[in-house]
Amino acid sequence: MAANEKENPSILPIEQLRKIYHTPDAVYAGVAAQKGWARGKCVSEAEYKAAVAKFLKSPMKEGG
């Protein structure tokens, strides 16, 4: 466990938050891509929930 996680237990790896909040694979992948988060990135629960909410409210692009 990283020192930062010991100091603030609400900072967790995004993979763990995905399990806690039962985030679907496609949503998780989209949020990580949108935020530029790599595997192992640690964020607060509030930041994770806000990122998921923002992703879900984002319009889909048409015609790539």
PDB file of N, CA and C in Angstrom:
ATOM      1  N   MET A   1       0.860  -1.183   0.000  1.00  0.00           N
ATOM      2  CA  MET A   1       0.000   0.000   0.000  1.00  0.00           C
ATOM      3  C   MET A   1       0.900   1.238   0.000  1.00  0.00           C
ATOM      4  N   ALA A   2       0.575   2.187  -0.809  1.00  0.00           N
ATOM      5  CA  ALA A   2       1.360   3.409  -0.918  1.00  0.00           C
ATOM      6  C   ALA A   2       1.176   4.271   0.325  1.00  0.00           C
ATOM      7  N   ALA A   3       2.158   5.101   0.601  1.00  0.00           N
ATOM      8  CA  ALA A   3       2.100   5.975   1.773  1.00  0.00           C
ATOM      9  C   ALA A   3       0.866   6.862   1.735  1.00  0.00           C
ATOM     10  N   ASN A   4       0.518   7.366   0.541  1.00  0.00           N
ATOM     11  CA  ASN A   4      -0.640   8.239   0.407  1.00  0.00           C
ATOM     12  C   ASN A   4      -1.928   7.519   0.806  1.00  0.00           C
ATOM     13  N   GLU A   5      -2.036   6.221   0.492  1.00  0.00           N
ATOM     14  CA  GLU A   5      -3.232   5.460   0.863  1.00  0.00           C
ATOM     15  C   GLU A   5      -3.319   5.289   2.376  1.00  0.00           C
ATOM     16  N   LYS A   6      -2.171   5.146   3.056  1.00  0.00           N
ATOM     17  CA  LYS A   6      -2.184   5.006   4.506  1.00  0.00           C
ATOM     18  C   LYS A   6      -2.632   6.298   5.172  1.00  0.00           C
ATOM     19  N   GLU A   7      -2.238   7.436   4.592  1.00  0.00           N
ATOM     20  CA  GLU A   7      -2.601   8.729   5.154  1.00  0.00           C
ATOM     21  C   GLU A   7      -4.079   9.047   4.923  1.00  0.00           C
ATOM     22  N   ASN A   8      -4.606   8.637   3.782  1.00  0.00           N
ATOM     23  CA  ASN A   8      -5.986   8.943   3.425  1.00  0.00           C
ATOM     24  C   ASN A   8      -6.630   7.692   2.840  1.00  0.00           C
ATOM     25  N   PRO A   9      -7.320   6.903   3.665  1.00  0.00           N
ATOM     26  CA  PRO A   9      -7.853   5.630   3.187  1.00  0.00           C
ATOM     27  C   PRO A   9      -8.939   5.763   2.120  1.00  0.00           C
ATOM     28  N   SER A  10      -9.458   6.964   1.876  1.00  0.00           N
ATOM     29  CA  SER A  10     -10.474   7.111   0.838  1.00  0.00           C
ATOM     30  C   SER A  10      -9.845   7.259  -0.549  1.00  0.00           C
ATOM     31  N   ILE A  11      -8.503   7.276  -0.621  1.00  0.00           N
ATOM     32  CA  ILE A  11      -7.794   7.288  -1.894  1.00  0.00           C
ATOM     33  C   ILE A  11      -7.519   5.831  -2.252  1.00  0.00           C
ATOM     34  N   LEU A  12      -8.127   5.359  -3.335  1.00  0.00           N
ATOM     35  CA  LEU A  12      -8.029   3.948  -3.712  1.00  0.00           C
ATOM     36  C   LEU A  12      -7.683   3.799  -5.188  1.00  0.00           C
ATOM     37  N   PRO A  13      -7.135   2.642  -5.571  1.00  0.00           N
ATOM     38  CA  PRO A  13      -6.896   2.382  -6.986  1.00  0.00           C
ATOM     39  C   PRO A  13      -8.229   2.333  -7.748  1.00  0.00           C
ATOM     40  N   ILE A  14      -8.201   2.807  -8.973  1.00  0.00           N
ATOM     41  CA  ILE A  14      -9.444   2.855  -9.752  1.00  0.00           C
ATOM     42  C   ILE A  14     -10.043   1.472  -9.963  1.00  0.00           C
ATOM     43  N   GLU A  15      -9.211   0.440 -10.002  1.00  0.00           N
ATOM     44  CA  GLU A  15      -9.732  -0.926 -10.164  1.00  0.00           C
ATOM     45  C   GLU A  15     -10.568  -1.337  -8.955  1.00  0.00           C
ATOM     46  N   GLN A  16     -10.138  -0.918  -7.790  1.00  0.00           N
ATOM     47  CA  GLN A  16     -10.889  -1.245  -6.574  1.00  0.00           C
ATOM     48  C   GLN A  16     -12.198  -0.457  -6.533  1.00  0.00           C
ATOM     49  N   LEU A  17     -12.154   0.802  -6.925  1.00  0.00           N
ATOM     50  CA  LEU A  17     -13.379   1.612  -6.959  1.00  0.00           C
ATOM     51  C   LEU A  17     -14.368   1.051  -7.971  1.00  0.00           C
ATOM     52  N   ARG A  18     -13.859   0.539  -9.085  1.00  0.00           N
ATOM     53  CA  ARG A  18     -14.724  -0.088 -10.095  1.00  0.00           C
ATOM     54  C   ARG A  18     -15.507  -1.242  -9.481  1.00  0.00           C
ATOM     55  N   LYS A  19     -14.839  -2.047  -8.651  1.00  0.00           N
ATOM     56  CA  LYS A  19     -15.516  -3.173  -7.995  1.00  0.00           C
ATOM     57  C   LYS A  19     -16.511  -2.689  -6.945  1.00  0.00           C
ATOM     58  N   ILE A  20     -16.105  -1.699  -6.162  1.00  0.00           N
ATOM     59  CA  ILE A  20     -16.968  -1.177  -5.099  1.00  0.00           C
ATOM     60  C   ILE A  20     -18.278  -0.638  -5.677  1.00  0.00           C
ATOM     61  N   TYR A  21     -18.171   0.102  -6.780  1.00  0.00           N
ATOM     62  CA  TYR A  21     -19.350   0.756  -7.358  1.00  0.00           C
ATOM     63  C   TYR A  21     -19.964  -0.030  -8.512  1.00  0.00           C
ATOM     64  N   HIS A  22     -19.485  -1.248  -8.742  1.00  0.00           N
ATOM     65  CA  HIS A  22     -20.036  -2.129  -9.786  1.00  0.00           C
ATOM     66  C   HIS A  22     -20.130  -1.412 -11.133  1.00  0.00           C
ATOM     67  N   THR A  23     -19.047  -0.729 -11.490  1.00  0.00           N
ATOM     68  CA  THR A  23     -18.998   0.022 -12.744  1.00  0.00           C
ATOM     69  C   THR A  23     -18.869  -0.954 -13.912  1.00  0.00           C
ATOM     70  N   PRO A  24     -19.779  -0.880 -14.896  1.00  0.00           N
ATOM     71  CA  PRO A  24     -19.674  -1.768 -16.061  1.00  0.00           C
ATOM     72  C   PRO A  24     -18.344  -1.565 -16.798  1.00  0.00           C
ATOM     73  N   ASP A  25     -17.861  -2.636 -17.432  1.00  0.00           N
ATOM     74  CA  ASP A  25     -16.568  -2.593 -18.123  1.00  0.00           C
ATOM     75  C   ASP A  25     -16.467  -1.443 -19.116  1.00  0.00           C
ATOM     76  N   ALA A  26     -17.498  -1.268 -19.935  1.00  0.00           N
ATOM     77  CA  ALA A  26     -17.457  -0.223 -20.965  1.00  0.00           C
ATOM     78  C   ALA A  26     -17.396   1.171 -20.341  1.00  0.00           C
ATOM     79  N   VAL A  27     -18.128   1.383 -19.265  1.00  0.00           N
ATOM     80  CA  VAL A  27     -18.122   2.682 -18.589  1.00  0.00           C
ATOM     81  C   VAL A  27     -16.761   2.909 -17.944  1.00  0.00           C
ATOM     82  N   TYR A  28     -16.233   1.903 -17.289  1.00  0.00           N
ATOM     83  CA  TYR A  28     -14.919   2.004 -16.661  1.00  0.00           C
ATOM     84  C   TYR A  28     -13.847   2.356 -17.696  1.00  0.00           C
ATOM     85  N   ALA A  29     -13.860   1.661 -18.822  1.00  0.00           N
ATOM     86  CA  ALA A  29     -12.877   1.915 -19.880  1.00  0.00           C
ATOM     87  C   ALA A  29     -13.032   3.327 -20.437  1.00  0.00           C
ATOM     88  N   GLY A  30     -14.274   3.774 -20.622  1.00  0.00           N
ATOM     89  CA  GLY A  30     -14.524   5.116 -21.128  1.00  0.00           C
ATOM     90  C   GLY A  30     -14.067   6.204 -20.176  1.00  0.00           C
ATOM     91  N   VAL A  31     -14.344   6.005 -18.903  1.00  0.00           N
ATOM     92  CA  VAL A  31     -13.921   6.985 -17.883  1.00  0.00           C
ATOM     93  C   VAL A  31     -12.397   7.058 -17.840  1.00  0.00           C
ATOM     94  N   ALA A  32     -11.752   5.900 -17.821  1.00  0.00           N
ATOM     95  CA  ALA A  32     -10.289   5.874 -17.762  1.00  0.00           C
ATOM     96  C   ALA A  32      -9.690   6.562 -18.989  1.00  0.00           C
ATOM     97  N   ALA A  33     -10.261   6.318 -20.154  1.00  0.00           N
ATOM     98  CA  ALA A  33      -9.758   6.955 -21.372  1.00  0.00           C
ATOM     99  C   ALA A  33      -9.996   8.457 -21.340  1.00  0.00           C
ATOM    100  N   GLN A  34     -11.193   8.865 -20.934  1.00  0.00           N
ATOM    101  CA  GLN A  34     -11.535  10.285 -20.890  1.00  0.00           C
ATOM    102  C   GLN A  34     -10.640  11.043 -19.910  1.00  0.00           C
ATOM    103  N   LYS A  35     -10.328  10.431 -18.779  1.00  0.00           N
ATOM    104  CA  LYS A  35      -9.531  11.084 -17.743  1.00  0.00           C
ATOM    105  C   LYS A  35      -8.030  10.866 -17.927  1.00  0.00           C
ATOM    106  N   GLY A  36      -7.650   9.948 -18.813  1.00  0.00           N
ATOM    107  CA  GLY A  36      -6.232   9.648 -18.991  1.00  0.00           C
ATOM    108  C   GLY A  36      -5.663   8.839 -17.837  1.00  0.00           C
ATOM    109  N   TRP A  37      -6.518   8.061 -17.167  1.00  0.00           N
ATOM    110  CA  TRP A  37      -6.093   7.265 -16.032  1.00  0.00           C
ATOM    111  C   TRP A  37      -5.523   5.934 -16.510  1.00  0.00           C
ATOM    112  N   ALA A  38      -4.379   5.564 -15.988  1.00  0.00           N
ATOM    113  CA  ALA A  38      -3.763   4.276 -16.281  1.00  0.00           C
ATOM    114  C   ALA A  38      -4.047   3.307 -15.136  1.00  0.00           C
ATOM    115  N   ARG A  39      -3.865   2.040 -15.407  1.00  0.00           N
ATOM    116  CA  ARG A  39      -4.054   1.006 -14.387  1.00  0.00           C
ATOM    117  C   ARG A  39      -3.221   1.371 -13.162  1.00  0.00           C
ATOM    118  N   GLY A  40      -3.828   1.243 -11.983  1.00  0.00           N
ATOM    119  CA  GLY A  40      -3.127   1.542 -10.739  1.00  0.00           C
ATOM    120  C   GLY A  40      -3.278   2.974 -10.254  1.00  0.00           C
ATOM    121  N   LYS A  41      -3.906   3.823 -11.045  1.00  0.00           N
ATOM    122  CA  LYS A  41      -4.129   5.221 -10.640  1.00  0.00           C
ATOM    123  C   LYS A  41      -4.974   5.241  -9.374  1.00  0.00           C
ATOM    124  N   CYS A  42      -4.570   6.034  -8.398  1.00  0.00           N
ATOM    125  CA  CYS A  42      -5.321   6.163  -7.153  1.00  0.00           C
ATOM    126  C   CYS A  42      -6.030   7.513  -7.121  1.00  0.00           C
ATOM    127  N   VAL A  43      -7.312   7.484  -6.817  1.00  0.00           N
ATOM    128  CA  VAL A  43      -8.125   8.694  -6.729  1.00  0.00           C
ATOM    129  C   VAL A  43      -9.072   8.562  -5.545  1.00  0.00           C
ATOM    130  N   SER A  44      -9.673   9.668  -5.171  1.00  0.00           N
ATOM    131  CA  SER A  44     -10.659   9.623  -4.090  1.00  0.00           C
ATOM    132  C   SER A  44     -11.967   9.049  -4.629  1.00  0.00           C
ATOM    133  N   GLU A  45     -12.775   8.567  -3.711  1.00  0.00           N
ATOM    134  CA  GLU A  45     -14.083   8.046  -4.109  1.00  0.00           C
ATOM    135  C   GLU A  45     -14.910   9.146  -4.751  1.00  0.00           C
ATOM    136  N   ALA A  46     -14.832  10.357  -4.222  1.00  0.00           N
ATOM    137  CA  ALA A  46     -15.593  11.478  -4.776  1.00  0.00           C
ATOM    138  C   ALA A  46     -15.146  11.780  -6.205  1.00  0.00           C
ATOM    139  N   GLU A  47     -13.829  11.772  -6.439  1.00  0.00           N
ATOM    140  CA  GLU A  47     -13.316  12.038  -7.783  1.00  0.00           C
ATOM    141  C   GLU A  47     -13.764  10.952  -8.759  1.00  0.00           C
ATOM    142  N   TYR A  48     -13.733   9.701  -8.312  1.00  0.00           N
ATOM    143  CA  TYR A  48     -14.160   8.587  -9.167  1.00  0.00           C
ATOM    144  C   TYR A  48     -15.643   8.722  -9.525  1.00  0.00           C
ATOM    145  N   LYS A  49     -16.467   8.951  -8.514  1.00  0.00           N
ATOM    146  CA  LYS A  49     -17.914   9.074  -8.763  1.00  0.00           C
ATOM    147  C   LYS A  49     -18.220  10.252  -9.675  1.00  0.00           C
ATOM    148  N   ALA A  50     -17.528  11.366  -9.498  1.00  0.00           N
ATOM    149  CA  ALA A  50     -17.738  12.539 -10.352  1.00  0.00           C
ATOM    150  C   ALA A  50     -17.315  12.236 -11.794  1.00  0.00           C
ATOM    151  N   ALA A  51     -16.215  11.519 -11.964  1.00  0.00           N
ATOM    152  CA  ALA A  51     -15.740  11.176 -13.308  1.00  0.00           C
ATOM    153  C   ALA A  51     -16.724  10.253 -14.018  1.00  0.00           C
ATOM    154  N   VAL A  52     -17.280   9.289 -13.286  1.00  0.00           N
ATOM    155  CA  VAL A  52     -18.267   8.375 -13.876  1.00  0.00           C
ATOM    156  C   VAL A  52     -19.524   9.159 -14.259  1.00  0.00           C
ATOM    157  N   ALA A  53     -19.989  10.020 -13.378  1.00  0.00           N
ATOM    158  CA  ALA A  53     -21.189  10.814 -13.671  1.00  0.00           C
ATOM    159  C   ALA A  53     -20.969  11.701 -14.889  1.00  0.00           C
ATOM    160  N   LYS A  54     -19.806  12.340 -14.977  1.00  0.00           N
ATOM    161  CA  LYS A  54     -19.504  13.197 -16.126  1.00  0.00           C
ATOM    162  C   LYS A  54     -19.473  12.382 -17.410  1.00  0.00           C
ATOM    163  N   PHE A  55     -18.853  11.209 -17.360  1.00  0.00           N
ATOM    164  CA  PHE A  55     -18.783  10.350 -18.546  1.00  0.00           C
ATOM    165  C   PHE A  55     -20.182   9.942 -19.000  1.00  0.00           C
ATOM    166  N   LEU A  56     -21.019   9.558 -18.054  1.00  0.00           N
ATOM    167  CA  LEU A  56     -22.370   9.108 -18.409  1.00  0.00           C
ATOM    168  C   LEU A  56     -23.232  10.228 -18.982  1.00  0.00           C
ATOM    169  N   LYS A  57     -22.930  11.466 -18.639  1.00  0.00           N
ATOM    170  CA  LYS A  57     -23.691  12.611 -19.159  1.00  0.00           C
ATOM    171  C   LYS A  57     -23.103  13.160 -20.455  1.00  0.00           C
ATOM    172  N   SER A  58     -21.909  12.682 -20.827  1.00  0.00           N
ATOM    173  CA  SER A  58     -21.245  13.174 -22.035  1.00  0.00           C
ATOM    174  C   SER A  58     -21.965  12.666 -23.287  1.00  0.00           C
ATOM    175  N   PRO A  59     -22.100  13.536 -24.298  1.00  0.00           N
ATOM    176  CA  PRO A  59     -22.717  13.083 -25.554  1.00  0.00           C
ATOM    177  C   PRO A  59     -21.784  12.136 -26.297  1.00  0.00           C
ATOM    178  N   MET A  60     -22.387  11.210 -27.017  1.00  0.00           N
ATOM    179  CA  MET A  60     -21.596  10.328 -27.877  1.00  0.00           C
ATOM    180  C   MET A  60     -21.277  11.065 -29.153  1.00  0.00           C
ATOM    181  N   LYS A  61     -20.053  10.920 -29.646  1.00  0.00           N
ATOM    182  CA  LYS A  61     -19.689  11.539 -30.912  1.00  0.00           C
ATOM    183  C   LYS A  61     -20.226  10.698 -32.047  1.00  0.00           C
ATOM    184  N   GLU A  62     -20.661  11.378 -33.095  1.00  0.00           N
ATOM    185  CA  GLU A  62     -21.153  10.681 -34.278  1.00  0.00           C
ATOM    186  C   GLU A  62     -20.153  10.772 -35.399  1.00  0.00           C
ATOM    187  N   GLY A  63     -20.055   9.711 -36.180  1.00  0.00           N
ATOM    188  CA  GLY A  63     -19.288   9.751 -37.409  1.00  0.00           C
ATOM    189  C   GLY A  63     -17.787   9.806 -37.268  1.00  0.00           C
ATOM    190  N   GLY A  64     -17.239   9.532 -36.090  1.00  0.00           N
ATOM    191  CA  GLY A  64     -15.817   9.443 -35.825  1.00  0.00           C
ATOM    192  C   GLY A  64     -15.003  10.302 -36.634  1.00  0.00           C
TER     193      GLY A  64
END
